[in-house]
Amino acid sequence: MTERNLDAGAEWERPRPPHDSAAFTAWLTTLVRNREYGTLAELRRARGGTNAHIRAGWYGGDDHRDLFERMAFLFAIYHQGRSKPSYGHGSLGAAARRIGDGTGYGPDNPGAQRLLNRIVASRRIPWRHLQHAVTRLRSCEQPPPSWTGLADDLANWNDRKARVAYWWSVEFHTPPVRGRGAQNEPTTRKDTTS
């Protein structure tokens, strides 16, 4: 959208506010911390158009309003009935490594592997499968992916340079680091934008 600058006689592009996923996560975790269960219940309505959804969309700016509304839904699903907020950690690929049961976790669990394969194969953001992943993490009592990172990844879902689905798959299939004091998470992705 362009607007005409009448003083200079030239056209200029009105700047669009960028998304702010860190502030978004801070707002959502405050809802849990302050026990604002009514607002969280509103966010659990998938396509509610409620005041809570509209407020969540503010953090997405003009370009990612709907994405942030849907992210708030995922956050509220994970936190249903919880009194402590979870900021999460790692990407969705790393989080999917934590999905499983006694038969195995991550790549060793056929259900987790099928779920991640469905997510990374999608050209559009696979909301239904993301909801299933968040629900599985909750039922396995595992931490979610970083909400801030997930929002940023989904905002870049169709950016071919970001290769979000590829990196999620790599992080899911990377063997855990073994050794004294090593964490069970794969290494972080390299910056591909520079």
Protein backbone atom coordinates (compact mmCIF):
# COMPACT_ATOMS: atom_id res chain seq x y z
CA MET A 1 0.00 0.00 0.00
CA THR A 2 1.45 3.36 -0.95
CA GLU A 3 0.38 6.80 0.11
CA ARG A 4 1.06 10.07 -1.61
CA ASN A 5 3.38 12.52 0.14
CA LEU A 6 1.72 15.81 -0.83
CA ASP A 7 4.60 18.07 0.25
CA ALA A 8 7.30 16.46 -1.85
CA GLY A 9 5.04 15.21 -4.61
CA ALA A 10 6.58 11.74 -4.34
CA GLU A 11 5.06 8.44 -3.35
CA TRP A 12 6.29 6.71 -0.24
CA GLU A 13 5.59 3.41 1.41
CA ARG A 14 3.98 3.61 4.83
CA PRO A 15 6.14 1.53 7.18
CA ARG A 16 4.43 -1.55 8.54
CA PRO A 17 5.01 -2.40 12.16
CA PRO A 18 7.14 -5.55 12.47
CA HIS A 19 6.09 -8.50 14.52
CA ASP A 20 7.36 -8.78 18.09
CA SER A 21 7.45 -12.42 19.11
CA ALA A 22 9.38 -11.79 22.36
CA ALA A 23 6.75 -9.32 23.62
CA PHE A 24 4.05 -11.75 22.47
CA THR A 25 5.56 -14.57 24.55
CA ALA A 26 5.93 -12.25 27.54
CA TRP A 27 2.24 -11.29 27.29
CA LEU A 28 1.11 -14.92 27.02
CA THR A 29 3.23 -16.11 29.94
CA THR A 30 1.90 -13.22 32.03
CA LEU A 31 -1.63 -14.50 31.39
CA VAL A 32 -0.66 -17.85 32.92
CA ARG A 33 1.33 -16.31 35.78
CA ASN A 34 -1.56 -13.97 36.66
CA ARG A 35 -4.07 -16.82 36.31
CA GLU A 36 -6.15 -15.04 33.70
CA TYR A 37 -8.00 -18.24 32.88
CA GLY A 38 -10.88 -16.48 31.11
CA THR A 39 -8.52 -14.90 28.58
CA LEU A 40 -6.69 -18.20 28.08
CA ALA A 41 -10.05 -19.93 27.55
CA GLU A 42 -10.91 -17.34 24.88
CA LEU A 43 -7.60 -18.09 23.15
CA ARG A 44 -8.44 -21.81 23.08
CA ARG A 45 -11.29 -21.05 20.69
CA ALA A 46 -9.61 -21.94 17.41
CA ARG A 47 -11.15 -19.19 15.28
CA GLY A 48 -12.77 -17.05 17.92
CA GLY A 49 -12.25 -13.45 16.85
CA THR A 50 -12.42 -12.62 20.55
CA ASN A 51 -10.76 -9.63 22.18
CA ALA A 52 -7.95 -11.95 23.32
CA HIS A 53 -7.33 -13.08 19.73
CA ILE A 54 -7.32 -9.51 18.49
CA ARG A 55 -4.83 -8.52 21.18
CA ALA A 56 -2.59 -11.47 20.25
CA GLY A 57 -2.72 -10.30 16.63
CA TRP A 58 -1.33 -6.89 17.61
CA TYR A 59 2.03 -8.51 18.26
CA GLY A 60 2.11 -9.82 14.68
CA GLY A 61 2.01 -6.42 13.03
CA ASP A 62 0.19 -5.98 9.73
CA ASP A 63 1.83 -8.95 8.01
CA HIS A 64 1.47 -11.64 10.67
CA ARG A 65 -1.70 -10.82 12.58
CA ASP A 66 -3.47 -14.13 11.82
CA LEU A 67 -0.31 -16.13 12.55
CA PHE A 68 0.00 -14.64 16.04
CA GLU A 69 -3.68 -15.24 16.75
CA ARG A 70 -3.19 -18.91 15.88
CA MET A 71 0.03 -19.09 17.88
CA ALA A 72 -1.88 -17.82 20.92
CA PHE A 73 -4.30 -20.72 20.40
CA LEU A 74 -1.41 -23.23 20.48
CA PHE A 75 0.03 -21.59 23.61
CA ALA A 76 -3.35 -21.71 25.37
CA ILE A 77 -3.84 -25.38 24.43
CA TYR A 78 -0.48 -26.29 25.95
CA HIS A 79 -1.09 -24.26 29.13
CA GLN A 80 -4.65 -25.39 29.82
CA GLY A 81 -4.92 -25.99 33.57
CA ARG A 82 -1.30 -25.01 34.28
CA SER A 83 -0.37 -22.44 36.89
CA LYS A 84 3.25 -21.97 35.77
CA PRO A 85 4.10 -20.70 32.30
CA SER A 86 6.56 -22.51 30.07
CA TYR A 87 8.62 -20.38 27.70
CA GLY A 88 9.76 -23.57 26.02
CA HIS A 89 13.12 -24.15 24.40
CA GLY A 90 14.51 -25.21 21.08
CA SER A 91 12.77 -25.41 17.75
CA LEU A 92 9.76 -27.55 16.97
CA GLY A 93 12.14 -30.16 15.53
CA ALA A 94 14.08 -30.32 18.80
CA ALA A 95 10.83 -30.41 20.79
CA ALA A 96 9.50 -33.27 18.64
CA ARG A 97 12.56 -35.29 19.74
CA ARG A 98 10.96 -35.27 23.21
CA ILE A 99 7.68 -36.84 22.00
CA GLY A 100 7.35 -40.48 22.82
CA ASP A 101 6.75 -43.17 25.37
CA GLY A 102 8.39 -46.34 26.64
CA THR A 103 8.95 -47.59 23.08
CA GLY A 104 11.14 -44.62 22.16
CA TYR A 105 11.36 -40.90 21.73
CA GLY A 106 11.74 -38.66 18.70
CA PRO A 107 13.15 -40.52 15.69
CA ASP A 108 12.81 -43.82 17.61
CA ASN A 109 9.07 -43.29 18.03
CA PRO A 110 7.04 -44.02 14.87
CA GLY A 111 4.23 -41.66 15.91
CA ALA A 112 6.62 -38.75 16.51
CA GLN A 113 8.37 -39.44 13.22
CA ARG A 114 5.08 -39.51 11.25
CA LEU A 115 3.95 -36.29 12.93
CA LEU A 116 7.16 -34.43 12.11
CA ASN A 117 7.12 -35.77 8.53
CA ARG A 118 3.60 -34.39 8.05
CA ILE A 119 4.65 -31.01 9.44
CA VAL A 120 7.80 -30.54 7.35
CA ALA A 121 6.16 -31.81 4.14
CA SER A 122 3.56 -29.04 4.18
CA ARG A 123 3.86 -26.02 1.90
CA ARG A 124 1.45 -24.01 4.03
CA ILE A 125 1.77 -23.69 7.77
CA PRO A 126 0.35 -27.02 9.03
CA TRP A 127 -1.77 -25.67 11.90
CA ARG A 128 -3.62 -28.91 12.57
CA HIS A 129 -0.39 -30.90 12.84
CA LEU A 130 1.24 -28.19 14.97
CA GLN A 131 -1.73 -28.43 17.34
CA HIS A 132 -1.24 -32.19 17.46
CA ALA A 133 2.49 -31.73 18.24
CA VAL A 134 1.75 -29.30 21.06
CA THR A 135 -0.91 -31.64 22.44
CA ARG A 136 1.51 -34.58 22.30
CA LEU A 137 4.22 -32.60 24.12
CA ARG A 138 1.69 -31.68 26.78
CA SER A 139 0.50 -35.28 27.21
CA CYS A 140 4.13 -36.53 27.41
CA GLU A 141 4.77 -33.84 30.04
CA GLN A 142 7.57 -32.42 27.92
CA PRO A 143 8.40 -28.74 27.46
CA PRO A 144 7.11 -27.06 24.31
CA PRO A 145 9.30 -25.46 21.67
CA SER A 146 10.37 -21.89 22.34
CA TRP A 147 7.20 -19.89 21.73
CA THR A 148 9.27 -16.92 20.58
CA GLY A 149 11.30 -19.07 18.20
CA LEU A 150 8.21 -20.87 16.92
CA ALA A 151 6.50 -17.58 16.09
CA ASP A 152 9.63 -16.38 14.25
CA ASP A 153 9.98 -19.70 12.40
CA LEU A 154 6.34 -19.66 11.29
CA ALA A 155 6.66 -16.04 10.16
CA ASN A 156 9.47 -17.28 7.88
CA TRP A 157 7.76 -20.54 6.86
CA ASN A 158 7.64 -19.66 3.15
CA ASP A 159 11.06 -17.97 3.03
CA ARG A 160 13.21 -20.28 0.95
CA LYS A 161 16.41 -18.89 2.44
CA ALA A 162 15.26 -19.56 6.02
CA ARG A 163 14.48 -23.24 5.23
CA VAL A 164 12.48 -23.63 8.42
CA ALA A 165 11.04 -27.09 7.64
CA TYR A 166 14.48 -28.37 6.64
CA TRP A 167 16.08 -27.20 9.90
CA TRP A 168 13.26 -28.65 11.97
CA SER A 169 13.87 -32.00 10.29
CA VAL A 170 17.64 -31.76 10.86
CA GLU A 171 17.15 -30.91 14.53
CA PHE A 172 14.70 -33.79 14.94
CA HIS A 173 17.04 -36.38 13.39
CA THR A 174 20.37 -35.15 14.80
CA PRO A 175 21.64 -37.66 17.36
CA PRO A 176 21.93 -36.31 20.89
CA VAL A 177 25.38 -35.23 22.04
CA ARG A 178 26.89 -37.82 24.37
CA GLY A 179 29.42 -37.19 27.05
CA ARG A 180 29.93 -35.65 30.44
CA GLY A 181 27.75 -32.60 31.00
CA ALA A 182 26.34 -32.71 27.45
CA GLN A 183 22.75 -31.71 26.92
CA ASN A 184 20.36 -33.99 25.10
CA GLU A 185 19.56 -31.36 22.48
CA PRO A 186 21.14 -31.21 19.03
CA THR A 187 23.23 -28.24 18.05
CA THR A 188 21.48 -25.06 16.96
CA ARG A 189 21.06 -24.17 13.33
CA LYS A 190 23.47 -21.93 11.53
CA ASP A 191 22.41 -18.52 10.30
CA THR A 192 21.59 -18.93 6.62
CA THR A 193 20.59 -15.32 6.03
CA SER A 194 24.07 -13.81 5.89
